[in-house]
Amino acid sequence: MDEKEKVKKYLVSGEELDKAIKIIDIARKEAVDDLEYGFKENWKNFMKRMRILTSQSSGARMQNYIFNAFGWTKIPANLNKGDVKNSIGQYFEVKVTTITTSNTSANVVQIRLWQETSGYHIFVIDSTKDYKLTHFQLSKNEMKQEVEKCASQAHGTKEINKANHHVEWAIRIPWKKGDKVYDRWMERYKQDTNLDKNKIDED
């Protein structure tokens, strides 16, 4: 076999990688001192920007983008009343999870049933389908029922958690039709949500 044939060929060239790295570096530099980086753009363009930031940098921004879109007020964690308060004084815990080519389940983690909330807002972002956003809303009782049906303990062992009244739960939903948890959530809890009102559309 010819030596040249042994060299693996990649779809992306070194020159294209150089261009991509420069773009990533520019975007990350812009975002360093801008906690609302991309917030004025529509959902799809905002998520494109988040894809090239680090996970640490993008996670809080994605949550805050959603908080702003709904007009929710972020609250201190030590209140033990979830993440946000809405305009009529209700408290909610909010979870955001992303579907990717390597992560094919919606991971709803650190569910804290002991907190004093009115319920839960769950947002699933499907990056494999143009950043399609699916929004679920559950009351506190509905979330308790879901935990009993399909949750696992997010941290620790059963022995340790027996004495711990503040157990955090995780629900992992395979993101595909035909899965019983997916189908149930789509039927019972899915909301009609549009985050693009008053956003800039720049493609």
C-alpha atoms as a PDB file:
ATOM      1  CA  MET A   1       0.000   0.000   0.000  1.00  0.00           C
ATOM      2  CA  ASP A   2       1.271   3.451  -0.911  1.00  0.00           C
ATOM      3  CA  GLU A   3       2.383   5.574   2.059  1.00  0.00           C
ATOM      4  CA  LYS A   4      -0.018   8.361   1.051  1.00  0.00           C
ATOM      5  CA  GLU A   5      -2.953   5.959   1.118  1.00  0.00           C
ATOM      6  CA  LYS A   6      -2.220   5.124   4.757  1.00  0.00           C
ATOM      7  CA  VAL A   7      -2.848   8.729   5.820  1.00  0.00           C
ATOM      8  CA  LYS A   8      -6.444   9.121   6.966  1.00  0.00           C
ATOM      9  CA  LYS A   9      -8.364  11.830   5.137  1.00  0.00           C
ATOM     10  CA  TYR A  10     -10.639  14.088   7.170  1.00  0.00           C
ATOM     11  CA  LEU A  11     -13.596  16.056   5.893  1.00  0.00           C
ATOM     12  CA  VAL A  12     -12.270  19.228   7.518  1.00  0.00           C
ATOM     13  CA  SER A  13      -8.926  20.527   6.308  1.00  0.00           C
ATOM     14  CA  GLY A  14      -6.236  22.121   8.439  1.00  0.00           C
ATOM     15  CA  GLU A  15      -6.965  25.494   6.828  1.00  0.00           C
ATOM     16  CA  GLU A  16     -10.656  25.186   7.662  1.00  0.00           C
ATOM     17  CA  LEU A  17      -9.772  24.265  11.246  1.00  0.00           C
ATOM     18  CA  ASP A  18      -7.622  27.395  11.521  1.00  0.00           C
ATOM     19  CA  LYS A  19     -10.561  29.544  10.408  1.00  0.00           C
ATOM     20  CA  ALA A  20     -12.920  27.802  12.835  1.00  0.00           C
ATOM     21  CA  ILE A  21     -10.498  28.256  15.750  1.00  0.00           C
ATOM     22  CA  LYS A  22     -10.171  31.978  14.979  1.00  0.00           C
ATOM     23  CA  ILE A  23     -13.966  32.367  14.974  1.00  0.00           C
ATOM     24  CA  ILE A  24     -14.277  30.473  18.261  1.00  0.00           C
ATOM     25  CA  ASP A  25     -11.565  32.607  19.874  1.00  0.00           C
ATOM     26  CA  ILE A  26     -13.272  35.836  18.740  1.00  0.00           C
ATOM     27  CA  ALA A  27     -16.702  34.707  20.032  1.00  0.00           C
ATOM     28  CA  ARG A  28     -15.322  33.589  23.388  1.00  0.00           C
ATOM     29  CA  LYS A  29     -13.433  36.860  23.808  1.00  0.00           C
ATOM     30  CA  GLU A  30     -16.623  38.830  23.090  1.00  0.00           C
ATOM     31  CA  ALA A  31     -18.516  36.785  25.661  1.00  0.00           C
ATOM     32  CA  VAL A  32     -15.994  37.121  28.503  1.00  0.00           C
ATOM     33  CA  ASP A  33     -17.304  40.447  29.820  1.00  0.00           C
ATOM     34  CA  ASP A  34     -20.837  40.178  28.418  1.00  0.00           C
ATOM     35  CA  LEU A  35     -23.112  38.102  30.641  1.00  0.00           C
ATOM     36  CA  GLU A  36     -25.957  38.688  28.164  1.00  0.00           C
ATOM     37  CA  TYR A  37     -23.964  37.673  25.108  1.00  0.00           C
ATOM     38  CA  GLY A  38     -26.414  36.946  22.274  1.00  0.00           C
ATOM     39  CA  PHE A  39     -29.515  37.718  24.352  1.00  0.00           C
ATOM     40  CA  LYS A  40     -30.977  40.136  21.774  1.00  0.00           C
ATOM     41  CA  GLU A  41     -30.899  37.526  19.026  1.00  0.00           C
ATOM     42  CA  ASN A  42     -33.540  34.932  18.219  1.00  0.00           C
ATOM     43  CA  TRP A  43     -33.368  31.511  19.816  1.00  0.00           C
ATOM     44  CA  LYS A  44     -31.664  29.731  16.920  1.00  0.00           C
ATOM     45  CA  ASN A  45     -28.898  32.301  16.514  1.00  0.00           C
ATOM     46  CA  PHE A  46     -28.426  32.546  20.263  1.00  0.00           C
ATOM     47  CA  MET A  47     -27.932  28.782  20.477  1.00  0.00           C
ATOM     48  CA  LYS A  48     -25.408  28.845  17.619  1.00  0.00           C
ATOM     49  CA  ARG A  49     -23.338  31.241  19.707  1.00  0.00           C
ATOM     50  CA  MET A  50     -23.697  29.028  22.779  1.00  0.00           C
ATOM     51  CA  ARG A  51     -22.421  26.003  20.855  1.00  0.00           C
ATOM     52  CA  ILE A  52     -18.983  27.579  20.463  1.00  0.00           C
ATOM     53  CA  LEU A  53     -18.639  28.720  24.079  1.00  0.00           C
ATOM     54  CA  THR A  54     -17.432  26.402  26.818  1.00  0.00           C
ATOM     55  CA  SER A  55     -20.123  24.435  28.674  1.00  0.00           C
ATOM     56  CA  GLN A  56     -19.375  26.424  31.831  1.00  0.00           C
ATOM     57  CA  SER A  57     -19.893  29.676  29.965  1.00  0.00           C
ATOM     58  CA  SER A  58     -22.982  28.653  27.992  1.00  0.00           C
ATOM     59  CA  GLY A  59     -24.976  26.825  30.697  1.00  0.00           C
ATOM     60  CA  ALA A  60     -25.878  29.836  32.847  1.00  0.00           C
ATOM     61  CA  ARG A  61     -26.465  32.015  29.773  1.00  0.00           C
ATOM     62  CA  MET A  62     -28.950  29.515  28.318  1.00  0.00           C
ATOM     63  CA  GLN A  63     -30.882  29.481  31.585  1.00  0.00           C
ATOM     64  CA  ASN A  64     -30.822  33.273  31.889  1.00  0.00           C
ATOM     65  CA  TYR A  65     -31.959  33.729  28.282  1.00  0.00           C
ATOM     66  CA  ILE A  66     -35.018  31.642  29.114  1.00  0.00           C
ATOM     67  CA  PHE A  67     -35.590  33.463  32.426  1.00  0.00           C
ATOM     68  CA  ASN A  68     -35.547  36.805  30.598  1.00  0.00           C
ATOM     69  CA  ALA A  69     -37.877  35.590  27.859  1.00  0.00           C
ATOM     70  CA  PHE A  70     -40.484  34.618  30.464  1.00  0.00           C
ATOM     71  CA  GLY A  71     -39.919  37.664  32.669  1.00  0.00           C
ATOM     72  CA  TRP A  72     -38.896  35.498  35.610  1.00  0.00           C
ATOM     73  CA  THR A  73     -36.760  36.792  38.472  1.00  0.00           C
ATOM     74  CA  LYS A  74     -33.803  34.674  39.524  1.00  0.00           C
ATOM     75  CA  ILE A  75     -33.794  34.005  43.274  1.00  0.00           C
ATOM     76  CA  PRO A  76     -31.001  33.100  45.746  1.00  0.00           C
ATOM     77  CA  ALA A  77     -30.387  29.372  46.143  1.00  0.00           C
ATOM     78  CA  ASN A  78     -30.480  29.586  49.948  1.00  0.00           C
ATOM     79  CA  LEU A  79     -34.224  30.342  49.838  1.00  0.00           C
ATOM     80  CA  ASN A  80     -34.825  26.689  48.899  1.00  0.00           C
ATOM     81  CA  LYS A  81     -37.688  27.764  46.633  1.00  0.00           C
ATOM     82  CA  GLY A  82     -36.346  26.671  43.266  1.00  0.00           C
ATOM     83  CA  ASP A  83     -34.653  28.927  40.725  1.00  0.00           C
ATOM     84  CA  VAL A  84     -37.098  31.691  39.791  1.00  0.00           C
ATOM     85  CA  LYS A  85     -40.159  33.685  40.818  1.00  0.00           C
ATOM     86  CA  ASN A  86     -42.789  34.688  38.262  1.00  0.00           C
ATOM     87  CA  SER A  87     -44.827  37.908  38.065  1.00  0.00           C
ATOM     88  CA  ILE A  88     -47.536  36.635  40.429  1.00  0.00           C
ATOM     89  CA  GLY A  89     -45.118  35.457  43.103  1.00  0.00           C
ATOM     90  CA  GLN A  90     -44.982  31.737  42.297  1.00  0.00           C
ATOM     91  CA  TYR A  91     -41.675  29.900  42.675  1.00  0.00           C
ATOM     92  CA  PHE A  92     -40.442  27.310  40.183  1.00  0.00           C
ATOM     93  CA  GLU A  93     -37.491  25.030  39.704  1.00  0.00           C
ATOM     94  CA  VAL A  94     -36.124  25.222  36.147  1.00  0.00           C
ATOM     95  CA  LYS A  95     -34.126  22.564  34.294  1.00  0.00           C
ATOM     96  CA  VAL A  96     -32.429  22.917  30.894  1.00  0.00           C
ATOM     97  CA  THR A  97     -31.005  19.925  29.046  1.00  0.00           C
ATOM     98  CA  THR A  98     -29.550  19.555  25.551  1.00  0.00           C
ATOM     99  CA  ILE A  99     -29.859  16.692  23.072  1.00  0.00           C
ATOM    100  CA  THR A 100     -26.757  16.111  20.934  1.00  0.00           C
ATOM    101  CA  THR A 101     -25.468  13.386  18.637  1.00  0.00           C
ATOM    102  CA  SER A 102     -23.648  11.843  21.619  1.00  0.00           C
ATOM    103  CA  ASN A 103     -26.298  12.567  24.280  1.00  0.00           C
ATOM    104  CA  THR A 104     -29.639  11.175  23.131  1.00  0.00           C
ATOM    105  CA  SER A 105     -31.556  11.497  26.407  1.00  0.00           C
ATOM    106  CA  ALA A 106     -33.113  14.479  28.157  1.00  0.00           C
ATOM    107  CA  ASN A 107     -31.348  14.503  31.522  1.00  0.00           C
ATOM    108  CA  VAL A 108     -33.535  16.155  34.149  1.00  0.00           C
ATOM    109  CA  VAL A 109     -31.195  16.097  37.120  1.00  0.00           C
ATOM    110  CA  GLN A 110     -30.994  17.475  40.662  1.00  0.00           C
ATOM    111  CA  ILE A 111     -34.768  17.411  41.177  1.00  0.00           C
ATOM    112  CA  ARG A 112     -35.286  18.717  44.719  1.00  0.00           C
ATOM    113  CA  LEU A 113     -38.744  17.703  45.888  1.00  0.00           C
ATOM    114  CA  TRP A 114     -38.244  19.157  49.371  1.00  0.00           C
ATOM    115  CA  GLN A 115     -38.118  22.731  48.084  1.00  0.00           C
ATOM    116  CA  GLU A 116     -41.146  24.989  48.457  1.00  0.00           C
ATOM    117  CA  THR A 117     -42.160  25.506  44.825  1.00  0.00           C
ATOM    118  CA  SER A 118     -45.329  25.670  42.765  1.00  0.00           C
ATOM    119  CA  GLY A 119     -43.829  23.309  40.214  1.00  0.00           C
ATOM    120  CA  TYR A 120     -41.214  22.716  37.543  1.00  0.00           C
ATOM    121  CA  HIS A 121     -40.354  24.053  34.090  1.00  0.00           C
ATOM    122  CA  ILE A 122     -38.247  21.671  31.985  1.00  0.00           C
ATOM    123  CA  PHE A 123     -36.661  22.813  28.709  1.00  0.00           C
ATOM    124  CA  VAL A 124     -35.167  20.333  26.238  1.00  0.00           C
ATOM    125  CA  ILE A 125     -33.014  21.748  23.425  1.00  0.00           C
ATOM    126  CA  ASP A 126     -32.513  19.420  20.458  1.00  0.00           C
ATOM    127  CA  SER A 127     -29.329  20.554  18.723  1.00  0.00           C
ATOM    128  CA  THR A 128     -29.793  17.816  16.096  1.00  0.00           C
ATOM    129  CA  LYS A 129     -33.051  19.438  14.945  1.00  0.00           C
ATOM    130  CA  ASP A 130     -32.099  23.088  14.519  1.00  0.00           C
ATOM    131  CA  TYR A 131     -32.215  23.784  18.257  1.00  0.00           C
ATOM    132  CA  LYS A 132     -35.882  22.904  18.581  1.00  0.00           C
ATOM    133  CA  LEU A 133     -37.075  23.767  22.077  1.00  0.00           C
ATOM    134  CA  THR A 134     -39.541  21.566  23.939  1.00  0.00           C
ATOM    135  CA  HIS A 135     -41.048  23.003  27.122  1.00  0.00           C
ATOM    136  CA  PHE A 136     -42.684  20.909  29.830  1.00  0.00           C
ATOM    137  CA  GLN A 137     -44.469  22.259  32.888  1.00  0.00           C
ATOM    138  CA  LEU A 138     -45.284  20.039  35.865  1.00  0.00           C
ATOM    139  CA  SER A 139     -46.950  20.805  39.161  1.00  0.00           C
ATOM    140  CA  LYS A 140     -45.195  19.682  42.325  1.00  0.00           C
ATOM    141  CA  ASN A 141     -47.556  16.705  42.674  1.00  0.00           C
ATOM    142  CA  GLU A 142     -47.024  15.715  39.038  1.00  0.00           C
ATOM    143  CA  MET A 143     -43.266  15.753  39.522  1.00  0.00           C
ATOM    144  CA  LYS A 144     -43.592  13.628  42.673  1.00  0.00           C
ATOM    145  CA  GLN A 145     -45.564  11.086  40.648  1.00  0.00           C
ATOM    146  CA  GLU A 146     -42.940  11.076  37.879  1.00  0.00           C
ATOM    147  CA  VAL A 147     -40.144  10.583  40.408  1.00  0.00           C
ATOM    148  CA  GLU A 148     -41.985   7.575  41.842  1.00  0.00           C
ATOM    149  CA  LYS A 149     -42.458   6.125  38.349  1.00  0.00           C
ATOM    150  CA  CYS A 150     -39.119   6.627  36.659  1.00  0.00           C
ATOM    151  CA  ALA A 151     -36.488   8.536  38.676  1.00  0.00           C
ATOM    152  CA  SER A 152     -33.183   7.395  40.121  1.00  0.00           C
ATOM    153  CA  GLN A 153     -31.161   9.007  42.874  1.00  0.00           C
ATOM    154  CA  ALA A 154     -28.826  11.629  41.424  1.00  0.00           C
ATOM    155  CA  HIS A 155     -26.161  11.285  44.122  1.00  0.00           C
ATOM    156  CA  GLY A 156     -25.018   8.803  46.731  1.00  0.00           C
ATOM    157  CA  THR A 157     -26.148   5.272  47.541  1.00  0.00           C
ATOM    158  CA  LYS A 158     -29.497   4.029  48.796  1.00  0.00           C
ATOM    159  CA  GLU A 159     -27.955   3.299  52.216  1.00  0.00           C
ATOM    160  CA  ILE A 160     -26.620   6.845  52.581  1.00  0.00           C
ATOM    161  CA  ASN A 161     -29.791   8.438  51.279  1.00  0.00           C
ATOM    162  CA  LYS A 162     -32.104   6.531  53.642  1.00  0.00           C
ATOM    163  CA  ALA A 163     -31.163   8.982  56.397  1.00  0.00           C
ATOM    164  CA  ASN A 164     -31.139  11.989  54.079  1.00  0.00           C
ATOM    165  CA  HIS A 165     -34.463  13.768  53.597  1.00  0.00           C
ATOM    166  CA  HIS A 166     -32.943  16.041  50.943  1.00  0.00           C
ATOM    167  CA  VAL A 167     -32.409  13.479  48.196  1.00  0.00           C
ATOM    168  CA  GLU A 168     -31.831  14.813  44.691  1.00  0.00           C
ATOM    169  CA  TRP A 169     -33.482  12.822  41.903  1.00  0.00           C
ATOM    170  CA  ALA A 170     -32.782  12.372  38.202  1.00  0.00           C
ATOM    171  CA  ILE A 171     -35.120  11.474  35.359  1.00  0.00           C
ATOM    172  CA  ARG A 172     -33.484  10.490  32.078  1.00  0.00           C
ATOM    173  CA  ILE A 173     -35.846  10.464  29.104  1.00  0.00           C
ATOM    174  CA  PRO A 174     -34.752   8.718  25.873  1.00  0.00           C
ATOM    175  CA  TRP A 175     -35.549  11.381  23.278  1.00  0.00           C
ATOM    176  CA  LYS A 176     -37.595   9.327  20.830  1.00  0.00           C
ATOM    177  CA  LYS A 177     -41.193   8.481  20.081  1.00  0.00           C
ATOM    178  CA  GLY A 178     -42.242   5.112  21.429  1.00  0.00           C
ATOM    179  CA  ASP A 179     -40.440   5.476  24.729  1.00  0.00           C
ATOM    180  CA  LYS A 180     -43.131   5.368  27.416  1.00  0.00           C
ATOM    181  CA  VAL A 181     -41.723   8.264  29.455  1.00  0.00           C
ATOM    182  CA  TYR A 182     -41.189  10.441  26.371  1.00  0.00           C
ATOM    183  CA  ASP A 183     -44.708   9.749  25.103  1.00  0.00           C
ATOM    184  CA  ARG A 184     -46.275  10.403  28.504  1.00  0.00           C
ATOM    185  CA  TRP A 185     -44.479  13.721  28.988  1.00  0.00           C
ATOM    186  CA  MET A 186     -45.322  14.869  25.460  1.00  0.00           C
ATOM    187  CA  GLU A 187     -48.987  14.073  26.025  1.00  0.00           C
ATOM    188  CA  ARG A 188     -49.391  15.456  29.541  1.00  0.00           C
ATOM    189  CA  TYR A 189     -46.902  18.247  30.142  1.00  0.00           C
ATOM    190  CA  LYS A 190     -45.815  19.797  26.822  1.00  0.00           C
ATOM    191  CA  GLN A 191     -46.426  23.561  26.467  1.00  0.00           C
ATOM    192  CA  ASP A 192     -46.714  25.808  23.412  1.00  0.00           C
ATOM    193  CA  THR A 193     -43.753  28.139  23.812  1.00  0.00           C
ATOM    194  CA  ASN A 194     -42.191  30.774  21.545  1.00  0.00           C
ATOM    195  CA  LEU A 195     -39.074  32.539  22.809  1.00  0.00           C
ATOM    196  CA  ASP A 196     -38.546  34.637  19.668  1.00  0.00           C
ATOM    197  CA  LYS A 197     -40.818  37.598  20.397  1.00  0.00           C
ATOM    198  CA  ASN A 198     -38.965  40.896  19.954  1.00  0.00           C
ATOM    199  CA  LYS A 199     -35.728  39.150  19.017  1.00  0.00           C
ATOM    200  CA  ILE A 200     -33.345  40.153  16.230  1.00  0.00           C
ATOM    201  CA  ASP A 201     -33.372  37.779  13.252  1.00  0.00           C
ATOM    202  CA  GLU A 202     -29.870  37.795  11.769  1.00  0.00           C
ATOM    203  CA  ASP A 203     -28.959  34.820   9.594  1.00  0.00           C
END
